Amino acid sequence: MRTYTAHEIARYFLAKADAGVGDLISNLKLQKLCYYAQGVGTATRGQPLFEEPIEAWLHGPVVPQLYHTYSSYGREAIPAPVNFDIENYELADRLIMDDVYDYYGQYSAWRLRQMTHDEPPWKNVYDEGCSNLITIDALKEYFSTQIDDDYRRKYGEQV
């Protein structure tokens, strides 16, 4: 089972966005998509998709490395990556990321922000002015309650 970098997961989502139909991803939205991918991926695979830490910031979960990479875009859309090769991702992991994108990608960045504020992984560790870590265990515990056995079986058939 492959472990990706957070940048690889981000590039996957950025490659899926269709600017032609107004499907745009800002840094804020990208942070939330990567958080949800990590949560769903960890609960489904039994191990994280990527190793970079996720921290509880004012506007929800953030992967600091990704934030700094894309912060120059501000609230604007981040362009699709060049030289993107979907074959660099395992089929089962693409299933997870596609499902995350199809479900969570429909929401605005601010709606996703609000959703994460209502969930234990962020809510239980956020402390104003601090950048507390959202642990893999916290993600696994919460997202395991959000995924059913049928989904896990569907993933297992692709591995």
C-alpha atoms as a PDB file:
ATOM      1  CA  MET A   1       0.000   0.000   0.000  1.00  0.00           C
ATOM      2  CA  ARG A   2       1.530   3.255  -1.115  1.00  0.00           C
ATOM      3  CA  THR A   3       1.960   6.368   1.008  1.00  0.00           C
ATOM      4  CA  TYR A   4       1.805   9.602  -0.981  1.00  0.00           C
ATOM      5  CA  THR A   5       2.955  13.085  -0.167  1.00  0.00           C
ATOM      6  CA  ALA A   6       0.367  15.699   0.733  1.00  0.00           C
ATOM      7  CA  HIS A   7       1.433  17.509  -2.450  1.00  0.00           C
ATOM      8  CA  GLU A   8       0.554  14.433  -4.529  1.00  0.00           C
ATOM      9  CA  ILE A   9      -2.904  14.292  -2.959  1.00  0.00           C
ATOM     10  CA  ALA A  10      -3.365  18.029  -3.571  1.00  0.00           C
ATOM     11  CA  ARG A  11      -2.274  17.664  -7.200  1.00  0.00           C
ATOM     12  CA  TYR A  12      -4.834  14.897  -7.673  1.00  0.00           C
ATOM     13  CA  PHE A  13      -7.664  17.165  -6.540  1.00  0.00           C
ATOM     14  CA  LEU A  14      -6.377  20.111  -8.550  1.00  0.00           C
ATOM     15  CA  ALA A  15      -6.256  17.922 -11.664  1.00  0.00           C
ATOM     16  CA  LYS A  16      -9.903  16.900 -11.131  1.00  0.00           C
ATOM     17  CA  ALA A  17     -11.220  20.466 -10.996  1.00  0.00           C
ATOM     18  CA  ASP A  18     -12.944  21.592 -14.187  1.00  0.00           C
ATOM     19  CA  ALA A  19     -12.512  25.349 -14.474  1.00  0.00           C
ATOM     20  CA  GLY A  20     -14.680  25.305 -17.618  1.00  0.00           C
ATOM     21  CA  VAL A  21     -17.763  24.623 -15.513  1.00  0.00           C
ATOM     22  CA  GLY A  22     -16.756  26.893 -12.639  1.00  0.00           C
ATOM     23  CA  ASP A  23     -15.239  24.097 -10.579  1.00  0.00           C
ATOM     24  CA  LEU A  24     -12.460  25.993  -8.811  1.00  0.00           C
ATOM     25  CA  ILE A  25     -10.288  25.080  -5.853  1.00  0.00           C
ATOM     26  CA  SER A  26      -8.878  27.742  -3.536  1.00  0.00           C
ATOM     27  CA  ASN A  27      -6.231  27.067  -0.919  1.00  0.00           C
ATOM     28  CA  LEU A  28      -8.946  26.885   1.776  1.00  0.00           C
ATOM     29  CA  LYS A  29     -10.948  24.337  -0.186  1.00  0.00           C
ATOM     30  CA  LEU A  30      -7.843  22.329  -1.059  1.00  0.00           C
ATOM     31  CA  GLN A  31      -6.951  22.080   2.637  1.00  0.00           C
ATOM     32  CA  LYS A  32     -10.360  20.651   3.446  1.00  0.00           C
ATOM     33  CA  LEU A  33     -10.320  18.166   0.553  1.00  0.00           C
ATOM     34  CA  CYS A  34      -6.922  16.881   1.692  1.00  0.00           C
ATOM     35  CA  TYR A  35      -8.174  16.629   5.284  1.00  0.00           C
ATOM     36  CA  TYR A  36     -11.205  14.613   4.177  1.00  0.00           C
ATOM     37  CA  ALA A  37      -9.056  12.413   1.936  1.00  0.00           C
ATOM     38  CA  GLN A  38      -6.739  11.730   4.859  1.00  0.00           C
ATOM     39  CA  GLY A  39      -9.675  10.926   7.146  1.00  0.00           C
ATOM     40  CA  VAL A  40     -11.557   8.696   4.727  1.00  0.00           C
ATOM     41  CA  GLY A  41      -8.323   7.142   3.494  1.00  0.00           C
ATOM     42  CA  THR A  42      -7.058   6.351   6.979  1.00  0.00           C
ATOM     43  CA  ALA A  43     -10.368   4.823   8.049  1.00  0.00           C
ATOM     44  CA  THR A  44     -10.647   2.791   4.841  1.00  0.00           C
ATOM     45  CA  ARG A  45      -7.036   1.721   4.277  1.00  0.00           C
ATOM     46  CA  GLY A  46      -6.031   1.402   7.919  1.00  0.00           C
ATOM     47  CA  GLN A  47      -3.131   3.777   7.305  1.00  0.00           C
ATOM     48  CA  PRO A  48      -2.842   7.411   6.193  1.00  0.00           C
ATOM     49  CA  LEU A  49      -2.643   8.504   2.569  1.00  0.00           C
ATOM     50  CA  PHE A  50       0.155  10.937   3.454  1.00  0.00           C
ATOM     51  CA  GLU A  51       2.517  11.570   6.359  1.00  0.00           C
ATOM     52  CA  GLU A  52       2.591  15.366   6.591  1.00  0.00           C
ATOM     53  CA  PRO A  53       0.855  16.677   9.717  1.00  0.00           C
ATOM     54  CA  ILE A  54      -2.561  18.295   9.768  1.00  0.00           C
ATOM     55  CA  GLU A  55      -3.019  21.114  12.265  1.00  0.00           C
ATOM     56  CA  ALA A  56      -6.131  22.728  13.745  1.00  0.00           C
ATOM     57  CA  TRP A  57      -6.081  26.350  12.579  1.00  0.00           C
ATOM     58  CA  LEU A  58      -8.718  29.059  12.901  1.00  0.00           C
ATOM     59  CA  HIS A  59     -10.329  28.158   9.571  1.00  0.00           C
ATOM     60  CA  GLY A  60     -10.210  24.414  10.125  1.00  0.00           C
ATOM     61  CA  PRO A  61      -7.746  21.626   9.408  1.00  0.00           C
ATOM     62  CA  VAL A  62      -4.621  22.672   7.495  1.00  0.00           C
ATOM     63  CA  VAL A  63      -1.599  20.854   6.113  1.00  0.00           C
ATOM     64  CA  PRO A  64       0.983  23.609   6.734  1.00  0.00           C
ATOM     65  CA  GLN A  65       3.278  22.482   3.903  1.00  0.00           C
ATOM     66  CA  LEU A  66       0.422  22.732   1.408  1.00  0.00           C
ATOM     67  CA  TYR A  67      -0.774  26.010   2.837  1.00  0.00           C
ATOM     68  CA  HIS A  68       2.607  27.636   2.307  1.00  0.00           C
ATOM     69  CA  THR A  69       2.949  26.197  -1.193  1.00  0.00           C
ATOM     70  CA  TYR A  70      -0.385  27.635  -2.339  1.00  0.00           C
ATOM     71  CA  SER A  71      -0.767  30.713  -0.104  1.00  0.00           C
ATOM     72  CA  SER A  72       0.274  33.055  -2.903  1.00  0.00           C
ATOM     73  CA  TYR A  73      -3.062  32.320  -4.615  1.00  0.00           C
ATOM     74  CA  GLY A  74      -4.991  33.818  -1.709  1.00  0.00           C
ATOM     75  CA  ARG A  75      -8.705  33.184  -2.280  1.00  0.00           C
ATOM     76  CA  GLU A  76      -8.235  32.676  -6.010  1.00  0.00           C
ATOM     77  CA  ALA A  77      -8.401  29.369  -7.852  1.00  0.00           C
ATOM     78  CA  ILE A  78      -5.241  27.290  -7.956  1.00  0.00           C
ATOM     79  CA  PRO A  79      -4.480  26.170 -11.516  1.00  0.00           C
ATOM     80  CA  ALA A  80      -4.417  22.528 -12.519  1.00  0.00           C
ATOM     81  CA  PRO A  81      -0.983  20.910 -12.356  1.00  0.00           C
ATOM     82  CA  VAL A  82       1.027  20.325 -15.508  1.00  0.00           C
ATOM     83  CA  ASN A  83       2.421  16.901 -16.340  1.00  0.00           C
ATOM     84  CA  PHE A  84      -0.099  15.155 -14.115  1.00  0.00           C
ATOM     85  CA  ASP A  85      -0.163  11.353 -14.480  1.00  0.00           C
ATOM     86  CA  ILE A  86      -3.099   9.573 -12.870  1.00  0.00           C
ATOM     87  CA  GLU A  87      -1.225   6.273 -13.218  1.00  0.00           C
ATOM     88  CA  ASN A  88       1.021   7.382 -10.334  1.00  0.00           C
ATOM     89  CA  TYR A  89      -1.914   6.661  -8.002  1.00  0.00           C
ATOM     90  CA  GLU A  90      -3.122   3.211  -7.055  1.00  0.00           C
ATOM     91  CA  LEU A  91      -6.604   2.388  -8.322  1.00  0.00           C
ATOM     92  CA  ALA A  92      -8.046   1.825  -4.843  1.00  0.00           C
ATOM     93  CA  ASP A  93      -6.669   5.162  -3.640  1.00  0.00           C
ATOM     94  CA  ARG A  94      -8.116   6.943  -6.682  1.00  0.00           C
ATOM     95  CA  LEU A  95     -11.466   5.477  -5.664  1.00  0.00           C
ATOM     96  CA  ILE A  96     -11.166   7.111  -2.245  1.00  0.00           C
ATOM     97  CA  MET A  97     -10.032  10.470  -3.628  1.00  0.00           C
ATOM     98  CA  ASP A  98     -12.714  10.441  -6.332  1.00  0.00           C
ATOM     99  CA  ASP A  99     -15.375   9.717  -3.729  1.00  0.00           C
ATOM    100  CA  VAL A 100     -14.057  12.500  -1.480  1.00  0.00           C
ATOM    101  CA  TYR A 101     -14.010  14.907  -4.419  1.00  0.00           C
ATOM    102  CA  ASP A 102     -17.482  13.904  -5.634  1.00  0.00           C
ATOM    103  CA  TYR A 103     -19.011  14.354  -2.192  1.00  0.00           C
ATOM    104  CA  TYR A 104     -17.057  17.174  -0.546  1.00  0.00           C
ATOM    105  CA  GLY A 105     -16.023  18.962  -3.730  1.00  0.00           C
ATOM    106  CA  GLN A 106     -19.614  20.085  -4.305  1.00  0.00           C
ATOM    107  CA  TYR A 107     -19.410  22.394  -1.287  1.00  0.00           C
ATOM    108  CA  SER A 108     -17.871  25.842  -1.113  1.00  0.00           C
ATOM    109  CA  ALA A 109     -14.644  26.383   0.796  1.00  0.00           C
ATOM    110  CA  TRP A 110     -16.550  28.172   3.556  1.00  0.00           C
ATOM    111  CA  ARG A 111     -19.143  25.420   3.836  1.00  0.00           C
ATOM    112  CA  LEU A 112     -16.345  22.843   4.157  1.00  0.00           C
ATOM    113  CA  ARG A 113     -14.705  25.045   6.771  1.00  0.00           C
ATOM    114  CA  GLN A 114     -17.917  25.024   8.781  1.00  0.00           C
ATOM    115  CA  MET A 115     -18.341  21.266   8.401  1.00  0.00           C
ATOM    116  CA  THR A 116     -14.865  20.627   9.810  1.00  0.00           C
ATOM    117  CA  HIS A 117     -15.637  22.905  12.766  1.00  0.00           C
ATOM    118  CA  ASP A 118     -18.481  20.587  13.715  1.00  0.00           C
ATOM    119  CA  GLU A 119     -16.325  17.439  13.642  1.00  0.00           C
ATOM    120  CA  PRO A 120     -14.340  16.046  16.596  1.00  0.00           C
ATOM    121  CA  PRO A 121     -10.875  15.844  14.964  1.00  0.00           C
ATOM    122  CA  TRP A 122     -10.729  19.657  14.678  1.00  0.00           C
ATOM    123  CA  LYS A 123     -13.160  20.638  17.430  1.00  0.00           C
ATOM    124  CA  ASN A 124     -11.431  18.578  20.128  1.00  0.00           C
ATOM    125  CA  VAL A 125      -7.970  20.069  19.583  1.00  0.00           C
ATOM    126  CA  TYR A 126      -8.504  23.606  18.314  1.00  0.00           C
ATOM    127  CA  ASP A 127      -7.197  26.262  20.679  1.00  0.00           C
ATOM    128  CA  GLU A 128      -7.123  29.862  19.465  1.00  0.00           C
ATOM    129  CA  GLY A 129      -3.607  31.001  18.649  1.00  0.00           C
ATOM    130  CA  CYS A 130      -2.215  27.467  18.667  1.00  0.00           C
ATOM    131  CA  SER A 131      -1.540  25.054  15.835  1.00  0.00           C
ATOM    132  CA  ASN A 132      -2.420  21.812  17.572  1.00  0.00           C
ATOM    133  CA  LEU A 133      -1.933  18.553  15.725  1.00  0.00           C
ATOM    134  CA  ILE A 134      -4.933  16.595  14.480  1.00  0.00           C
ATOM    135  CA  THR A 135      -3.683  13.075  15.042  1.00  0.00           C
ATOM    136  CA  ILE A 136      -4.062  10.105  12.741  1.00  0.00           C
ATOM    137  CA  ASP A 137      -5.759   8.282  15.630  1.00  0.00           C
ATOM    138  CA  ALA A 138      -8.354  11.065  15.912  1.00  0.00           C
ATOM    139  CA  LEU A 139      -9.006  10.907  12.161  1.00  0.00           C
ATOM    140  CA  LYS A 140      -9.287   7.126  12.209  1.00  0.00           C
ATOM    141  CA  GLU A 141     -11.619   7.153  15.213  1.00  0.00           C
ATOM    142  CA  TYR A 142     -13.984   9.734  13.726  1.00  0.00           C
ATOM    143  CA  PHE A 143     -13.983   8.687  10.081  1.00  0.00           C
ATOM    144  CA  SER A 144     -14.384   5.003  10.968  1.00  0.00           C
ATOM    145  CA  THR A 145     -17.857   5.970  12.176  1.00  0.00           C
ATOM    146  CA  GLN A 146     -18.585   7.660   8.829  1.00  0.00           C
ATOM    147  CA  ILE A 147     -17.663   4.707   6.595  1.00  0.00           C
ATOM    148  CA  ASP A 148     -19.605   1.481   6.396  1.00  0.00           C
ATOM    149  CA  ASP A 149     -18.429  -2.067   5.753  1.00  0.00           C
ATOM    150  CA  ASP A 150     -19.721  -1.995   2.163  1.00  0.00           C
ATOM    151  CA  TYR A 151     -17.392   0.887   1.392  1.00  0.00           C
ATOM    152  CA  ARG A 152     -14.449  -0.910   2.980  1.00  0.00           C
ATOM    153  CA  ARG A 153     -15.278  -4.019   0.905  1.00  0.00           C
ATOM    154  CA  LYS A 154     -15.497  -1.908  -2.263  1.00  0.00           C
ATOM    155  CA  TYR A 155     -12.044  -0.496  -1.489  1.00  0.00           C
ATOM    156  CA  GLY A 156     -10.646  -3.944  -0.686  1.00  0.00           C
ATOM    157  CA  GLU A 157     -11.748  -5.281  -4.067  1.00  0.00           C
ATOM    158  CA  GLN A 158      -9.538  -2.678  -5.773  1.00  0.00           C
ATOM    159  CA  VAL A 159      -6.358  -3.356  -3.787  1.00  0.00           C
END
